[in-house]
């Protein structure tokens, strides 16, 4: 699995509309055959910071993603709204095909 996290700092005037701005890109990426997950989160400390957590089946799926027309269109759209160049962590995790369970926390009846 290719696991990627990207940190986007957007211009304040685009913060409230960021998820709408990237909606077409998000939907198209989630529809890719090799996409495992593609999830946005907003920082609780800074309302102009968004995190994208994404997973792809393998390197070929990741390559298909960055070569897709919607990737090119999405990065062009995002470039007009970001305040800084995004930061990225990208790694390959052999033997994984998505999220695993965390062993240290589980629901309790008294919760």
N, C-alpha and C. Protein backbone atom coordinates (compact mmCIF):
# COMPACT_ATOMS: atom_id res chain seq x y z
N UNK A 1 0.85 -1.17 0.00
CA UNK A 1 0.00 0.00 0.00
C UNK A 1 0.90 1.24 0.00
N UNK A 2 0.52 2.23 -0.79
CA UNK A 2 1.17 3.54 -0.75
C UNK A 2 0.34 4.40 0.20
N UNK A 3 0.98 4.92 1.24
CA UNK A 3 0.30 5.72 2.25
C UNK A 3 0.85 7.15 2.17
N UNK A 4 -0.04 8.11 2.02
CA UNK A 4 0.35 9.51 1.83
C UNK A 4 -0.45 10.40 2.77
N UNK A 5 0.25 11.33 3.38
CA UNK A 5 -0.40 12.39 4.15
C UNK A 5 0.13 13.72 3.64
N UNK A 6 -0.77 14.63 3.35
CA UNK A 6 -0.39 15.95 2.85
C UNK A 6 -1.00 17.01 3.77
N UNK A 7 -0.18 17.99 4.13
CA UNK A 7 -0.63 19.11 4.97
C UNK A 7 -0.74 20.34 4.07
N UNK A 8 -1.94 20.89 3.98
CA UNK A 8 -2.22 22.07 3.18
C UNK A 8 -2.52 23.25 4.10
N UNK A 9 -1.81 24.35 3.91
CA UNK A 9 -2.15 25.60 4.58
C UNK A 9 -2.77 26.48 3.49
N UNK A 10 -4.03 26.83 3.68
CA UNK A 10 -4.74 27.59 2.66
C UNK A 10 -4.85 29.05 3.07
N UNK A 11 -5.08 29.88 2.09
CA UNK A 11 -5.29 31.30 2.38
C UNK A 11 -6.56 31.45 3.21
N UNK A 12 -6.56 32.33 4.19
CA UNK A 12 -7.73 32.47 5.07
C UNK A 12 -9.05 32.64 4.32
N UNK A 13 -9.03 33.37 3.22
CA UNK A 13 -10.27 33.61 2.48
C UNK A 13 -10.79 32.35 1.77
N UNK A 14 -9.99 31.29 1.73
CA UNK A 14 -10.41 30.03 1.10
C UNK A 14 -10.68 28.92 2.12
N UNK A 15 -10.43 29.19 3.39
CA UNK A 15 -10.54 28.14 4.40
C UNK A 15 -11.95 27.56 4.52
N UNK A 16 -12.96 28.40 4.58
CA UNK A 16 -14.33 27.89 4.75
C UNK A 16 -14.82 27.14 3.52
N UNK A 17 -14.32 27.47 2.35
CA UNK A 17 -14.77 26.82 1.13
C UNK A 17 -13.84 25.76 0.59
N UNK A 18 -12.78 25.43 1.35
CA UNK A 18 -11.77 24.48 0.86
C UNK A 18 -12.36 23.13 0.45
N UNK A 19 -13.17 22.54 1.29
CA UNK A 19 -13.71 21.20 0.98
C UNK A 19 -14.61 21.24 -0.25
N UNK A 20 -15.33 22.32 -0.46
CA UNK A 20 -16.11 22.48 -1.69
C UNK A 20 -15.18 22.64 -2.90
N UNK A 21 -14.11 23.39 -2.71
CA UNK A 21 -13.15 23.62 -3.79
C UNK A 21 -12.52 22.32 -4.28
N UNK A 22 -12.25 21.40 -3.37
CA UNK A 22 -11.58 20.14 -3.73
C UNK A 22 -12.56 18.97 -3.91
N UNK A 23 -13.85 19.26 -3.91
CA UNK A 23 -14.85 18.19 -3.97
C UNK A 23 -14.78 17.36 -5.25
N UNK A 24 -14.66 17.98 -6.40
CA UNK A 24 -14.58 17.22 -7.65
C UNK A 24 -13.34 16.32 -7.66
N UNK A 25 -12.22 16.88 -7.23
CA UNK A 25 -10.97 16.12 -7.14
C UNK A 25 -11.12 14.94 -6.18
N UNK A 26 -11.73 15.20 -5.04
CA UNK A 26 -11.93 14.15 -4.04
C UNK A 26 -12.80 13.03 -4.58
N UNK A 27 -13.92 13.36 -5.17
CA UNK A 27 -14.84 12.35 -5.71
C UNK A 27 -14.18 11.52 -6.82
N UNK A 28 -13.46 12.20 -7.71
CA UNK A 28 -12.80 11.49 -8.82
C UNK A 28 -11.71 10.56 -8.30
N UNK A 29 -10.96 11.00 -7.31
CA UNK A 29 -9.90 10.16 -6.74
C UNK A 29 -10.49 8.95 -6.04
N UNK A 30 -11.54 9.15 -5.26
CA UNK A 30 -12.17 8.03 -4.57
C UNK A 30 -12.73 6.99 -5.54
N UNK A 31 -13.03 7.41 -6.76
CA UNK A 31 -13.56 6.49 -7.78
C UNK A 31 -12.47 5.73 -8.52
N UNK A 32 -11.22 6.09 -8.31
CA UNK A 32 -10.12 5.38 -8.98
C UNK A 32 -10.08 3.93 -8.49
N UNK A 33 -9.86 2.96 -9.40
CA UNK A 33 -9.85 1.56 -9.00
C UNK A 33 -8.80 1.22 -7.94
N UNK A 34 -7.67 1.91 -7.93
CA UNK A 34 -6.60 1.60 -6.98
C UNK A 34 -6.63 2.41 -5.70
N UNK A 35 -7.63 3.27 -5.53
CA UNK A 35 -7.72 4.09 -4.32
C UNK A 35 -8.34 3.28 -3.19
N UNK A 36 -7.69 3.28 -2.04
CA UNK A 36 -8.21 2.59 -0.85
C UNK A 36 -8.95 3.55 0.08
N UNK A 37 -8.44 4.77 0.21
CA UNK A 37 -9.11 5.80 1.01
C UNK A 37 -8.53 7.15 0.64
N UNK A 38 -9.34 8.19 0.86
CA UNK A 38 -8.96 9.55 0.51
C UNK A 38 -9.79 10.45 1.42
N UNK A 39 -9.19 10.87 2.54
CA UNK A 39 -9.95 11.53 3.60
C UNK A 39 -9.33 12.87 3.99
N UNK A 40 -10.17 13.89 4.10
CA UNK A 40 -9.76 15.22 4.52
C UNK A 40 -10.08 15.43 6.00
N UNK A 41 -9.21 16.15 6.69
CA UNK A 41 -9.44 16.59 8.07
C UNK A 41 -8.98 18.03 8.20
N UNK A 42 -9.58 18.73 9.14
CA UNK A 42 -9.20 20.12 9.39
C UNK A 42 -8.54 20.21 10.76
N UNK A 43 -7.49 20.98 10.85
CA UNK A 43 -6.78 21.15 12.11
C UNK A 43 -7.69 21.76 13.16
N UNK A 44 -7.58 21.27 14.39
CA UNK A 44 -8.34 21.86 15.50
C UNK A 44 -7.61 23.08 16.06
N UNK A 45 -6.35 23.27 15.67
CA UNK A 45 -5.55 24.39 16.16
C UNK A 45 -5.48 25.57 15.20
N UNK A 46 -5.59 25.29 13.90
CA UNK A 46 -5.46 26.34 12.90
C UNK A 46 -6.49 26.09 11.80
N UNK A 47 -7.51 26.93 11.70
CA UNK A 47 -8.59 26.68 10.73
C UNK A 47 -8.16 26.81 9.26
N UNK A 48 -6.94 27.24 9.01
CA UNK A 48 -6.47 27.33 7.63
C UNK A 48 -5.64 26.10 7.23
N UNK A 49 -5.52 25.13 8.12
CA UNK A 49 -4.73 23.92 7.83
C UNK A 49 -5.65 22.72 7.65
N UNK A 50 -5.45 22.02 6.53
CA UNK A 50 -6.19 20.81 6.22
C UNK A 50 -5.19 19.68 5.97
N UNK A 51 -5.58 18.47 6.38
CA UNK A 51 -4.75 17.29 6.16
C UNK A 51 -5.49 16.34 5.24
N UNK A 52 -4.77 15.78 4.31
CA UNK A 52 -5.30 14.77 3.40
C UNK A 52 -4.57 13.47 3.69
N UNK A 53 -5.33 12.43 4.02
CA UNK A 53 -4.77 11.10 4.26
C UNK A 53 -5.29 10.21 3.15
N UNK A 54 -4.36 9.63 2.39
CA UNK A 54 -4.77 8.84 1.24
C UNK A 54 -3.97 7.55 1.14
N UNK A 55 -4.62 6.54 0.59
CA UNK A 55 -3.97 5.25 0.40
C UNK A 55 -4.29 4.70 -0.98
N UNK A 56 -3.28 4.10 -1.59
CA UNK A 56 -3.44 3.48 -2.90
C UNK A 56 -2.93 2.05 -2.83
N UNK A 57 -3.55 1.19 -3.59
CA UNK A 57 -3.26 -0.24 -3.57
C UNK A 57 -1.77 -0.53 -3.72
N UNK A 58 -1.11 0.14 -4.65
CA UNK A 58 0.31 -0.12 -4.92
C UNK A 58 0.88 1.05 -5.73
N UNK A 59 2.13 0.92 -6.11
CA UNK A 59 2.79 1.98 -6.86
C UNK A 59 2.14 2.28 -8.19
N UNK A 60 1.62 1.26 -8.84
CA UNK A 60 0.93 1.48 -10.12
C UNK A 60 -0.32 2.32 -9.93
N UNK A 61 -1.06 2.05 -8.86
CA UNK A 61 -2.26 2.84 -8.57
C UNK A 61 -1.89 4.28 -8.24
N UNK A 62 -0.79 4.47 -7.51
CA UNK A 62 -0.33 5.81 -7.20
C UNK A 62 0.10 6.56 -8.46
N UNK A 63 0.77 5.86 -9.36
CA UNK A 63 1.20 6.45 -10.62
C UNK A 63 -0.01 6.86 -11.46
N UNK A 64 -1.01 5.97 -11.53
CA UNK A 64 -2.23 6.28 -12.28
C UNK A 64 -2.91 7.52 -11.69
N UNK A 65 -2.87 7.65 -10.38
CA UNK A 65 -3.48 8.81 -9.72
C UNK A 65 -2.83 10.12 -10.17
N UNK A 66 -1.49 10.19 -10.08
CA UNK A 66 -0.83 11.45 -10.40
C UNK A 66 -0.81 11.74 -11.91
N UNK A 67 -1.12 10.75 -12.72
CA UNK A 67 -1.20 10.96 -14.17
C UNK A 67 -2.62 11.24 -14.65
N UNK A 68 -3.60 11.17 -13.76
CA UNK A 68 -5.00 11.36 -14.13
C UNK A 68 -5.31 12.83 -14.41
N UNK A 69 -6.24 13.05 -15.32
CA UNK A 69 -6.64 14.42 -15.65
C UNK A 69 -7.19 15.15 -14.43
N UNK A 70 -7.96 14.45 -13.58
CA UNK A 70 -8.52 15.12 -12.40
C UNK A 70 -7.43 15.51 -11.40
N UNK A 71 -6.30 14.80 -11.39
CA UNK A 71 -5.18 15.19 -10.53
C UNK A 71 -4.60 16.52 -11.02
N UNK A 72 -4.38 16.61 -12.30
CA UNK A 72 -3.84 17.85 -12.88
C UNK A 72 -4.80 19.02 -12.64
N UNK A 73 -6.08 18.79 -12.85
CA UNK A 73 -7.08 19.85 -12.63
C UNK A 73 -7.15 20.21 -11.15
N UNK A 74 -7.11 19.21 -10.28
CA UNK A 74 -7.19 19.46 -8.85
C UNK A 74 -6.00 20.24 -8.32
N UNK A 75 -4.79 19.87 -8.76
CA UNK A 75 -3.62 20.59 -8.29
C UNK A 75 -3.61 22.03 -8.81
N UNK A 76 -4.12 22.23 -10.00
CA UNK A 76 -4.23 23.59 -10.54
C UNK A 76 -5.20 24.42 -9.70
N UNK A 77 -6.34 23.84 -9.37
CA UNK A 77 -7.33 24.53 -8.54
C UNK A 77 -6.77 24.84 -7.16
N UNK A 78 -6.12 23.85 -6.54
CA UNK A 78 -5.57 24.04 -5.19
C UNK A 78 -4.48 25.10 -5.18
N UNK A 79 -3.70 25.18 -6.25
CA UNK A 79 -2.60 26.14 -6.31
C UNK A 79 -3.08 27.58 -6.18
N UNK A 80 -4.30 27.84 -6.59
CA UNK A 80 -4.86 29.19 -6.46
C UNK A 80 -5.37 29.52 -5.08
N UNK A 81 -5.39 28.53 -4.18
CA UNK A 81 -5.97 28.74 -2.86
C UNK A 81 -5.01 28.49 -1.70
N UNK A 82 -3.87 27.88 -1.96
CA UNK A 82 -2.94 27.59 -0.87
C UNK A 82 -2.10 28.81 -0.53
N UNK A 83 -1.70 28.90 0.75
CA UNK A 83 -0.85 29.99 1.21
C UNK A 83 0.62 29.62 1.11
N UNK A 84 0.92 28.31 1.21
CA UNK A 84 2.29 27.81 1.15
C UNK A 84 2.30 26.51 0.34
N UNK A 85 3.49 26.08 -0.03
CA UNK A 85 3.62 24.79 -0.71
C UNK A 85 3.27 23.70 0.30
N UNK A 86 2.38 22.77 -0.05
CA UNK A 86 2.01 21.70 0.89
C UNK A 86 3.20 20.84 1.29
N UNK A 87 3.11 20.25 2.48
CA UNK A 87 4.10 19.29 2.99
C UNK A 87 3.53 17.90 2.82
N UNK A 88 4.40 16.92 2.52
CA UNK A 88 3.93 15.57 2.24
C UNK A 88 4.80 14.52 2.92
N UNK A 89 4.15 13.45 3.36
CA UNK A 89 4.81 12.23 3.79
C UNK A 89 4.24 11.14 2.91
N UNK A 90 5.11 10.42 2.22
CA UNK A 90 4.67 9.36 1.32
C UNK A 90 5.57 8.15 1.53
N UNK A 91 4.95 7.00 1.78
CA UNK A 91 5.73 5.80 2.02
C UNK A 91 4.97 4.57 1.52
N UNK A 92 5.71 3.52 1.26
CA UNK A 92 5.09 2.25 0.89
C UNK A 92 5.10 1.35 2.12
N UNK A 93 3.96 0.73 2.38
CA UNK A 93 3.83 -0.18 3.51
C UNK A 93 3.51 -1.57 2.97
N UNK A 94 4.52 -2.43 2.87
CA UNK A 94 4.29 -3.77 2.32
C UNK A 94 3.31 -4.58 3.17
N UNK A 95 2.48 -5.34 2.50
CA UNK A 95 1.56 -6.25 3.19
C UNK A 95 0.29 -5.61 3.71
N UNK A 96 0.13 -4.31 3.56
CA UNK A 96 -1.09 -3.64 4.03
C UNK A 96 -2.01 -3.40 2.84
N UNK A 97 -3.30 -3.44 3.10
CA UNK A 97 -4.27 -3.13 2.05
C UNK A 97 -5.36 -2.20 2.56
N UNK A 98 -5.01 -1.40 3.54
CA UNK A 98 -5.96 -0.46 4.13
C UNK A 98 -5.71 -0.32 5.63
N UNK A 99 -6.71 0.17 6.32
CA UNK A 99 -6.60 0.39 7.75
C UNK A 99 -6.61 -0.92 8.53
N UNK A 100 -5.80 -1.01 9.57
CA UNK A 100 -5.82 -2.13 10.50
C UNK A 100 -6.44 -1.66 11.81
N UNK A 101 -6.72 -2.59 12.69
CA UNK A 101 -7.29 -2.24 13.99
C UNK A 101 -6.20 -1.88 14.99
N UNK A 102 -6.48 -0.88 15.82
CA UNK A 102 -5.58 -0.52 16.91
C UNK A 102 -5.89 -1.44 18.09
N UNK A 103 -4.89 -2.10 18.62
CA UNK A 103 -5.11 -3.08 19.69
C UNK A 103 -5.31 -2.47 21.06
N UNK A 104 -4.83 -1.26 21.29
CA UNK A 104 -4.84 -0.69 22.64
C UNK A 104 -6.16 -0.06 23.05
N UNK A 105 -7.05 0.21 22.13
CA UNK A 105 -8.33 0.85 22.46
C UNK A 105 -9.46 0.06 21.83
N UNK A 106 -10.47 -0.22 22.64
CA UNK A 106 -11.68 -0.87 22.13
C UNK A 106 -12.88 -0.37 22.91
N UNK A 107 -14.07 -0.43 22.32
CA UNK A 107 -15.26 0.07 23.02
C UNK A 107 -15.53 -0.72 24.31
N UNK A 108 -15.99 0.00 25.33
CA UNK A 108 -16.41 -0.65 26.58
C UNK A 108 -17.90 -0.49 26.75
N UNK A 109 -18.49 -1.35 27.52
CA UNK A 109 -19.94 -1.29 27.80
C UNK A 109 -20.28 -0.07 28.64
N UNK A 110 -19.36 0.41 29.46
CA UNK A 110 -19.65 1.54 30.35
C UNK A 110 -19.32 2.89 29.70
N UNK A 111 -19.05 2.88 28.39
CA UNK A 111 -18.63 4.10 27.68
C UNK A 111 -19.75 5.00 27.39
